Amino acid sequence: MPIDEQLLEILCCPVTKVPLEILSEEKQLELNNRIAQASVKNVDGQIIEEPIEEGLITENGETVYRVTDGIPIMLPGEGIPANQ
């Protein structure tokens, strides 16, 4: 379920307050390939095991947040540093 555009307009990173945008399919595929290799950790240091069905990324490209069933998971520790 795609994220609501009105919701996207008001969302920002809970840590840096940088606005968010939808994670591109290309970046999502690249991230999911790394997740399949068990080489991606969230901010809390836990290995991400489940692929991302939909995601949001900060406009500066630093952090990815998972979207599950159209609901953004915006917990600071659940963010995924994009530079892994």
PDB file of N, CA and C in Angstrom:
ATOM      1  N   MET A   1       0.849  -1.171   0.000  1.00  0.00           N
ATOM      2  CA  MET A   1       0.000   0.000   0.000  1.00  0.00           C
ATOM      3  C   MET A   1       0.898   1.239   0.000  1.00  0.00           C
ATOM      4  N   PRO A   2       0.829   2.039  -1.046  1.00  0.00           N
ATOM      5  CA  PRO A   2       1.685   3.226  -1.111  1.00  0.00           C
ATOM      6  C   PRO A   2       1.353   4.228  -0.002  1.00  0.00           C
ATOM      7  N   ILE A   3       2.384   4.930   0.437  1.00  0.00           N
ATOM      8  CA  ILE A   3       2.195   5.908   1.497  1.00  0.00           C
ATOM      9  C   ILE A   3       1.394   7.103   0.968  1.00  0.00           C
ATOM     10  N   ASP A   4       0.542   7.629   1.802  1.00  0.00           N
ATOM     11  CA  ASP A   4      -0.311   8.755   1.448  1.00  0.00           C
ATOM     12  C   ASP A   4       0.547  10.004   1.206  1.00  0.00           C
ATOM     13  N   GLU A   5       0.302  10.687   0.099  1.00  0.00           N
ATOM     14  CA  GLU A   5       1.090  11.871  -0.269  1.00  0.00           C
ATOM     15  C   GLU A   5       0.974  12.988   0.764  1.00  0.00           C
ATOM     16  N   GLN A   6      -0.213  13.162   1.356  1.00  0.00           N
ATOM     17  CA  GLN A   6      -0.387  14.206   2.370  1.00  0.00           C
ATOM     18  C   GLN A   6       0.439  13.890   3.613  1.00  0.00           C
ATOM     19  N   LEU A   7       0.499  12.616   3.970  1.00  0.00           N
ATOM     20  CA  LEU A   7       1.318  12.216   5.108  1.00  0.00           C
ATOM     21  C   LEU A   7       2.799  12.464   4.806  1.00  0.00           C
ATOM     22  N   LEU A   8       3.210  12.128   3.596  1.00  0.00           N
ATOM     23  CA  LEU A   8       4.608  12.306   3.202  1.00  0.00           C
ATOM     24  C   LEU A   8       5.031  13.773   3.305  1.00  0.00           C
ATOM     25  N   GLU A   9       4.120  14.693   3.015  1.00  0.00           N
ATOM     26  CA  GLU A   9       4.444  16.124   3.068  1.00  0.00           C
ATOM     27  C   GLU A   9       4.799  16.594   4.471  1.00  0.00           C
ATOM     28  N   ILE A  10       4.281  15.932   5.505  1.00  0.00           N
ATOM     29  CA  ILE A  10       4.537  16.401   6.874  1.00  0.00           C
ATOM     30  C   ILE A  10       5.580  15.562   7.613  1.00  0.00           C
ATOM     31  N   LEU A  11       5.965  14.427   7.046  1.00  0.00           N
ATOM     32  CA  LEU A  11       6.946  13.571   7.724  1.00  0.00           C
ATOM     33  C   LEU A  11       8.356  14.112   7.587  1.00  0.00           C
ATOM     34  N   CYS A  12       9.136  13.899   8.630  1.00  0.00           N
ATOM     35  CA  CYS A  12      10.558  14.226   8.592  1.00  0.00           C
ATOM     36  C   CYS A  12      11.287  13.227   9.486  1.00  0.00           C
ATOM     37  N   CYS A  13      12.584  13.163   9.343  1.00  0.00           N
ATOM     38  CA  CYS A  13      13.399  12.281  10.164  1.00  0.00           C
ATOM     39  C   CYS A  13      13.222  12.674  11.631  1.00  0.00           C
ATOM     40  N   PRO A  14      12.943  11.713  12.511  1.00  0.00           N
ATOM     41  CA  PRO A  14      12.738  12.050  13.921  1.00  0.00           C
ATOM     42  C   PRO A  14      14.006  12.522  14.629  1.00  0.00           C
ATOM     43  N   VAL A  15      15.157  12.277  14.049  1.00  0.00           N
ATOM     44  CA  VAL A  15      16.420  12.664  14.670  1.00  0.00           C
ATOM     45  C   VAL A  15      16.910  14.010  14.125  1.00  0.00           C
ATOM     46  N   THR A  16      16.997  14.113  12.802  1.00  0.00           N
ATOM     47  CA  THR A  16      17.593  15.305  12.180  1.00  0.00           C
ATOM     48  C   THR A  16      16.570  16.320  11.692  1.00  0.00           C
ATOM     49  N   LYS A  17      15.302  15.898  11.606  1.00  0.00           N
ATOM     50  CA  LYS A  17      14.202  16.741  11.102  1.00  0.00           C
ATOM     51  C   LYS A  17      14.306  17.034   9.612  1.00  0.00           C
ATOM     52  N   VAL A  18      15.156  16.291   8.890  1.00  0.00           N
ATOM     53  CA  VAL A  18      15.274  16.423   7.440  1.00  0.00           C
ATOM     54  C   VAL A  18      14.023  15.809   6.801  1.00  0.00           C
ATOM     55  N   PRO A  19      13.441  16.473   5.785  1.00  0.00           N
ATOM     56  CA  PRO A  19      12.270  15.906   5.103  1.00  0.00           C
ATOM     57  C   PRO A  19      12.579  14.544   4.480  1.00  0.00           C
ATOM     58  N   LEU A  20      11.518  13.780   4.232  1.00  0.00           N
ATOM     59  CA  LEU A  20      11.654  12.438   3.661  1.00  0.00           C
ATOM     60  C   LEU A  20      11.061  12.378   2.266  1.00  0.00           C
ATOM     61  N   GLU A  21      11.536  11.426   1.499  1.00  0.00           N
ATOM     62  CA  GLU A  21      10.979  11.150   0.176  1.00  0.00           C
ATOM     63  C   GLU A  21      10.888   9.640   0.023  1.00  0.00           C
ATOM     64  N   ILE A  22      10.150   9.211  -0.972  1.00  0.00           N
ATOM     65  CA  ILE A  22       9.974   7.769  -1.206  1.00  0.00           C
ATOM     66  C   ILE A  22      11.287   7.182  -1.712  1.00  0.00           C
ATOM     67  N   LEU A  23      11.668   6.050  -1.147  1.00  0.00           N
ATOM     68  CA  LEU A  23      12.874   5.345  -1.569  1.00  0.00           C
ATOM     69  C   LEU A  23      12.654   4.810  -2.981  1.00  0.00           C
ATOM     70  N   SER A  24      13.567   5.102  -3.885  1.00  0.00           N
ATOM     71  CA  SER A  24      13.423   4.651  -5.273  1.00  0.00           C
ATOM     72  C   SER A  24      13.491   3.126  -5.351  1.00  0.00           C
ATOM     73  N   GLU A  25      12.901   2.582  -6.399  1.00  0.00           N
ATOM     74  CA  GLU A  25      12.926   1.131  -6.594  1.00  0.00           C
ATOM     75  C   GLU A  25      14.357   0.634  -6.722  1.00  0.00           C
ATOM     76  N   GLU A  26      15.197   1.405  -7.389  1.00  0.00           N
ATOM     77  CA  GLU A  26      16.597   1.021  -7.575  1.00  0.00           C
ATOM     78  C   GLU A  26      17.322   0.921  -6.232  1.00  0.00           C
ATOM     79  N   LYS A  27      17.164   1.939  -5.385  1.00  0.00           N
ATOM     80  CA  LYS A  27      17.818   1.930  -4.081  1.00  0.00           C
ATOM     81  C   LYS A  27      17.216   0.858  -3.176  1.00  0.00           C
ATOM     82  N   GLN A  28      15.916   0.621  -3.314  1.00  0.00           N
ATOM     83  CA  GLN A  28      15.261  -0.419  -2.518  1.00  0.00           C
ATOM     84  C   GLN A  28      15.806  -1.791  -2.902  1.00  0.00           C
ATOM     85  N   LEU A  29      15.954  -2.037  -4.176  1.00  0.00           N
ATOM     86  CA  LEU A  29      16.502  -3.308  -4.649  1.00  0.00           C
ATOM     87  C   LEU A  29      17.932  -3.500  -4.159  1.00  0.00           C
ATOM     88  N   GLU A  30      18.729  -2.446  -4.253  1.00  0.00           N
ATOM     89  CA  GLU A  30      20.118  -2.510  -3.784  1.00  0.00           C
ATOM     90  C   GLU A  30      20.162  -2.804  -2.278  1.00  0.00           C
ATOM     91  N   LEU A  31      19.321  -2.119  -1.511  1.00  0.00           N
ATOM     92  CA  LEU A  31      19.274  -2.333  -0.068  1.00  0.00           C
ATOM     93  C   LEU A  31      18.809  -3.749   0.259  1.00  0.00           C
ATOM     94  N   ASN A  32      17.780  -4.221  -0.439  1.00  0.00           N
ATOM     95  CA  ASN A  32      17.280  -5.575  -0.185  1.00  0.00           C
ATOM     96  C   ASN A  32      18.310  -6.643  -0.548  1.00  0.00           C
ATOM     97  N   ASN A  33      19.124  -6.393  -1.558  1.00  0.00           N
ATOM     98  CA  ASN A  33      20.206  -7.335  -1.886  1.00  0.00           C
ATOM     99  C   ASN A  33      21.212  -7.414  -0.754  1.00  0.00           C
ATOM    100  N   ARG A  34      21.529  -6.266  -0.156  1.00  0.00           N
ATOM    101  CA  ARG A  34      22.457  -6.253   0.979  1.00  0.00           C
ATOM    102  C   ARG A  34      21.820  -6.889   2.214  1.00  0.00           C
ATOM    103  N   ILE A  35      20.507  -6.689   2.386  1.00  0.00           N
ATOM    104  CA  ILE A  35      19.791  -7.316   3.510  1.00  0.00           C
ATOM    105  C   ILE A  35      19.850  -8.839   3.365  1.00  0.00           C
ATOM    106  N   ALA A  36      19.683  -9.343   2.148  1.00  0.00           N
ATOM    107  CA  ALA A  36      19.730 -10.785   1.901  1.00  0.00           C
ATOM    108  C   ALA A  36      21.095 -11.372   2.249  1.00  0.00           C
ATOM    109  N   GLN A  37      22.133 -10.546   2.211  1.00  0.00           N
ATOM    110  CA  GLN A  37      23.482 -10.993   2.553  1.00  0.00           C
ATOM    111  C   GLN A  37      23.789 -10.789   4.038  1.00  0.00           C
ATOM    112  N   ALA A  38      22.773 -10.372   4.798  1.00  0.00           N
ATOM    113  CA  ALA A  38      22.905 -10.125   6.242  1.00  0.00           C
ATOM    114  C   ALA A  38      24.002  -9.101   6.550  1.00  0.00           C
ATOM    115  N   SER A  39      24.078  -8.073   5.703  1.00  0.00           N
ATOM    116  CA  SER A  39      25.132  -7.080   5.902  1.00  0.00           C
ATOM    117  C   SER A  39      24.588  -5.685   6.220  1.00  0.00           C
ATOM    118  N   VAL A  40      23.313  -5.618   6.626  1.00  0.00           N
ATOM    119  CA  VAL A  40      22.702  -4.318   6.920  1.00  0.00           C
ATOM    120  C   VAL A  40      22.222  -4.305   8.368  1.00  0.00           C
ATOM    121  N   LYS A  41      22.600  -3.250   9.082  1.00  0.00           N
ATOM    122  CA  LYS A  41      22.167  -3.078  10.472  1.00  0.00           C
ATOM    123  C   LYS A  41      21.390  -1.774  10.605  1.00  0.00           C
ATOM    124  N   ASN A  42      20.453  -1.755  11.559  1.00  0.00           N
ATOM    125  CA  ASN A  42      19.757  -0.506  11.840  1.00  0.00           C
ATOM    126  C   ASN A  42      20.596   0.333  12.789  1.00  0.00           C
ATOM    127  N   VAL A  43      20.099   1.506  13.144  1.00  0.00           N
ATOM    128  CA  VAL A  43      20.838   2.421  14.016  1.00  0.00           C
ATOM    129  C   VAL A  43      21.150   1.770  15.362  1.00  0.00           C
ATOM    130  N   ASP A  44      20.245   0.918  15.858  1.00  0.00           N
ATOM    131  CA  ASP A  44      20.469   0.227  17.126  1.00  0.00           C
ATOM    132  C   ASP A  44      21.482  -0.909  17.026  1.00  0.00           C
ATOM    133  N   GLY A  45      21.982  -1.199  15.806  1.00  0.00           N
ATOM    134  CA  GLY A  45      22.993  -2.226  15.635  1.00  0.00           C
ATOM    135  C   GLY A  45      22.453  -3.621  15.371  1.00  0.00           C
ATOM    136  N   GLN A  46      21.143  -3.753  15.186  1.00  0.00           N
ATOM    137  CA  GLN A  46      20.551  -5.061  14.907  1.00  0.00           C
ATOM    138  C   GLN A  46      20.582  -5.343  13.411  1.00  0.00           C
ATOM    139  N   ILE A  47      20.910  -6.570  13.056  1.00  0.00           N
ATOM    140  CA  ILE A  47      20.919  -6.962  11.645  1.00  0.00           C
ATOM    141  C   ILE A  47      19.483  -6.992  11.129  1.00  0.00           C
ATOM    142  N   ILE A  48      19.271  -6.369   9.971  1.00  0.00           N
ATOM    143  CA  ILE A  48      17.959  -6.362   9.322  1.00  0.00           C
ATOM    144  C   ILE A  48      17.808  -7.695   8.594  1.00  0.00           C
ATOM    145  N   GLU A  49      16.738  -8.414   8.893  1.00  0.00           N
ATOM    146  CA  GLU A  49      16.530  -9.735   8.289  1.00  0.00           C
ATOM    147  C   GLU A  49      15.450  -9.731   7.216  1.00  0.00           C
ATOM    148  N   GLU A  50      14.458  -8.875   7.348  1.00  0.00           N
ATOM    149  CA  GLU A  50      13.335  -8.849   6.409  1.00  0.00           C
ATOM    150  C   GLU A  50      13.564  -7.794   5.333  1.00  0.00           C
ATOM    151  N   PRO A  51      13.301  -8.133   4.061  1.00  0.00           N
ATOM    152  CA  PRO A  51      13.454  -7.129   3.001  1.00  0.00           C
ATOM    153  C   PRO A  51      12.454  -5.982   3.185  1.00  0.00           C
ATOM    154  N   ILE A  52      12.773  -4.871   2.604  1.00  0.00           N
ATOM    155  CA  ILE A  52      11.919  -3.693   2.683  1.00  0.00           C
ATOM    156  C   ILE A  52      10.939  -3.709   1.519  1.00  0.00           C
ATOM    157  N   GLU A  53       9.656  -3.669   1.824  1.00  0.00           N
ATOM    158  CA  GLU A  53       8.623  -3.641   0.787  1.00  0.00           C
ATOM    159  C   GLU A  53       8.427  -2.232   0.257  1.00  0.00           C
ATOM    160  N   GLU A  54       8.603  -1.270   1.139  1.00  0.00           N
ATOM    161  CA  GLU A  54       8.485   0.145   0.786  1.00  0.00           C
ATOM    162  C   GLU A  54       9.304   0.910   1.810  1.00  0.00           C
ATOM    163  N   GLY A  55       9.898   2.019   1.393  1.00  0.00           N
ATOM    164  CA  GLY A  55      10.717   2.772   2.326  1.00  0.00           C
ATOM    165  C   GLY A  55      10.701   4.258   2.057  1.00  0.00           C
ATOM    166  N   LEU A  56      11.136   5.003   3.046  1.00  0.00           N
ATOM    167  CA  LEU A  56      11.328   6.438   2.942  1.00  0.00           C
ATOM    168  C   LEU A  56      12.794   6.715   3.221  1.00  0.00           C
ATOM    169  N   ILE A  57      13.343   7.712   2.556  1.00  0.00           N
ATOM    170  CA  ILE A  57      14.733   8.084   2.765  1.00  0.00           C
ATOM    171  C   ILE A  57      14.799   9.584   2.996  1.00  0.00           C
ATOM    172  N   THR A  58      15.701   9.992   3.860  1.00  0.00           N
ATOM    173  CA  THR A  58      15.862  11.415   4.097  1.00  0.00           C
ATOM    174  C   THR A  58      16.342  12.084   2.810  1.00  0.00           C
ATOM    175  N   GLU A  59      15.956  13.333   2.615  1.00  0.00           N
ATOM    176  CA  GLU A  59      16.340  14.043   1.396  1.00  0.00           C
ATOM    177  C   GLU A  59      17.852  14.134   1.233  1.00  0.00           C
ATOM    178  N   ASN A  60      18.586  14.083   2.328  1.00  0.00           N
ATOM    179  CA  ASN A  60      20.045  14.112   2.227  1.00  0.00           C
ATOM    180  C   ASN A  60      20.636  12.722   1.975  1.00  0.00           C
ATOM    181  N   GLY A  61      19.768  11.702   1.867  1.00  0.00           N
ATOM    182  CA  GLY A  61      20.203  10.350   1.513  1.00  0.00           C
ATOM    183  C   GLY A  61      20.897   9.581   2.615  1.00  0.00           C
ATOM    184  N   GLU A  62      20.765  10.005   3.864  1.00  0.00           N
ATOM    185  CA  GLU A  62      21.513   9.365   4.943  1.00  0.00           C
ATOM    186  C   GLU A  62      20.785   8.222   5.649  1.00  0.00           C
ATOM    187  N   THR A  63      19.454   8.309   5.795  1.00  0.00           N
ATOM    188  CA  THR A  63      18.733   7.320   6.597  1.00  0.00           C
ATOM    189  C   THR A  63      17.485   6.842   5.879  1.00  0.00           C
ATOM    190  N   VAL A  64      17.251   5.523   5.951  1.00  0.00           N
ATOM    191  CA  VAL A  64      16.062   4.897   5.368  1.00  0.00           C
ATOM    192  C   VAL A  64      15.162   4.443   6.507  1.00  0.00           C
ATOM    193  N   TYR A  65      13.860   4.658   6.335  1.00  0.00           N
ATOM    194  CA  TYR A  65      12.859   4.170   7.281  1.00  0.00           C
ATOM    195  C   TYR A  65      11.909   3.244   6.544  1.00  0.00           C
ATOM    196  N   ARG A  66      11.656   2.104   7.145  1.00  0.00           N
ATOM    197  CA  ARG A  66      10.759   1.099   6.578  1.00  0.00           C
ATOM    198  C   ARG A  66       9.307   1.601   6.628  1.00  0.00           C
ATOM    199  N   VAL A  67       8.518   1.226   5.620  1.00  0.00           N
ATOM    200  CA  VAL A  67       7.079   1.468   5.614  1.00  0.00           C
ATOM    201  C   VAL A  67       6.418   0.096   5.553  1.00  0.00           C
ATOM    202  N   THR A  68       5.572  -0.196   6.533  1.00  0.00           N
ATOM    203  CA  THR A  68       4.901  -1.493   6.605  1.00  0.00           C
ATOM    204  C   THR A  68       3.398  -1.278   6.533  1.00  0.00           C
ATOM    205  N   ASP A  69       2.755  -1.880   5.538  1.00  0.00           N
ATOM    206  CA  ASP A  69       1.310  -1.731   5.337  1.00  0.00           C
ATOM    207  C   ASP A  69       0.895  -0.267   5.291  1.00  0.00           C
ATOM    208  N   GLY A  70       1.721   0.559   4.639  1.00  0.00           N
ATOM    209  CA  GLY A  70       1.418   1.973   4.488  1.00  0.00           C
ATOM    210  C   GLY A  70       1.733   2.821   5.705  1.00  0.00           C
ATOM    211  N   ILE A  71       2.318   2.212   6.747  1.00  0.00           N
ATOM    212  CA  ILE A  71       2.629   2.937   7.983  1.00  0.00           C
ATOM    213  C   ILE A  71       4.144   3.090   8.107  1.00  0.00           C
ATOM    214  N   PRO A  72       4.629   4.332   8.107  1.00  0.00           N
ATOM    215  CA  PRO A  72       6.071   4.542   8.275  1.00  0.00           C
ATOM    216  C   PRO A  72       6.515   4.188   9.692  1.00  0.00           C
ATOM    217  N   ILE A  73       7.590   3.436   9.807  1.00  0.00           N
ATOM    218  CA  ILE A  73       8.168   3.067  11.101  1.00  0.00           C
ATOM    219  C   ILE A  73       9.257   4.099  11.397  1.00  0.00           C
ATOM    220  N   MET A  74       8.894   5.097  12.185  1.00  0.00           N
ATOM    221  CA  MET A  74       9.757   6.260  12.374  1.00  0.00           C
ATOM    222  C   MET A  74      10.482   6.261  13.724  1.00  0.00           C
ATOM    223  N   LEU A  75      10.694   5.104  14.300  1.00  0.00           N
ATOM    224  CA  LEU A  75      11.455   5.023  15.544  1.00  0.00           C
ATOM    225  C   LEU A  75      12.930   5.282  15.226  1.00  0.00           C
ATOM    226  N   PRO A  76      13.589   6.170  15.982  1.00  0.00           N
ATOM    227  CA  PRO A  76      14.986   6.498  15.667  1.00  0.00           C
ATOM    228  C   PRO A  76      15.900   5.275  15.563  1.00  0.00           C
ATOM    229  N   GLY A  77      15.761   4.303  16.434  1.00  0.00           N
ATOM    230  CA  GLY A  77      16.611   3.122  16.410  1.00  0.00           C
ATOM    231  C   GLY A  77      16.350   2.183  15.251  1.00  0.00           C
ATOM    232  N   GLU A  78      15.181   2.324  14.621  1.00  0.00           N
ATOM    233  CA  GLU A  78      14.819   1.468  13.491  1.00  0.00           C
ATOM    234  C   GLU A  78      15.310   2.034  12.151  1.00  0.00           C
ATOM    235  N   GLY A  79      15.829   3.250  12.174  1.00  0.00           N
ATOM    236  CA  GLY A  79      16.376   3.827  10.945  1.00  0.00           C
ATOM    237  C   GLY A  79      17.535   2.994  10.434  1.00  0.00           C
ATOM    238  N   ILE A  80      17.726   2.996   9.135  1.00  0.00           N
ATOM    239  CA  ILE A  80      18.790   2.218   8.505  1.00  0.00           C
ATOM    240  C   ILE A  80      19.765   3.202   7.849  1.00  0.00           C
ATOM    241  N   PRO A  81      20.985   3.291   8.351  1.00  0.00           N
ATOM    242  CA  PRO A  81      21.962   4.173   7.704  1.00  0.00           C
ATOM    243  C   PRO A  81      22.177   3.742   6.251  1.00  0.00           C
ATOM    244  N   ALA A  82      22.029   4.657   5.325  1.00  0.00           N
ATOM    245  CA  ALA A  82      22.090   4.328   3.896  1.00  0.00           C
ATOM    246  C   ALA A  82      23.499   4.092   3.398  1.00  0.00           C
ATOM    247  N   ASN A  83      24.515   4.468   4.162  1.00  0.00           N
ATOM    248  CA  ASN A  83      25.895   4.354   3.678  1.00  0.00           C
ATOM    249  C   ASN A  83      26.550   3.031   4.018  1.00  0.00           C
ATOM    250  N   GLN A  84      25.781   2.000   4.324  1.00  0.00           N
ATOM    251  CA  GLN A  84      26.356   0.697   4.676  1.00  0.00           C
ATOM    252  C   GLN A  84      26.785  -0.053   3.437  1.00  0.00           C
TER     253      GLN A  84
END
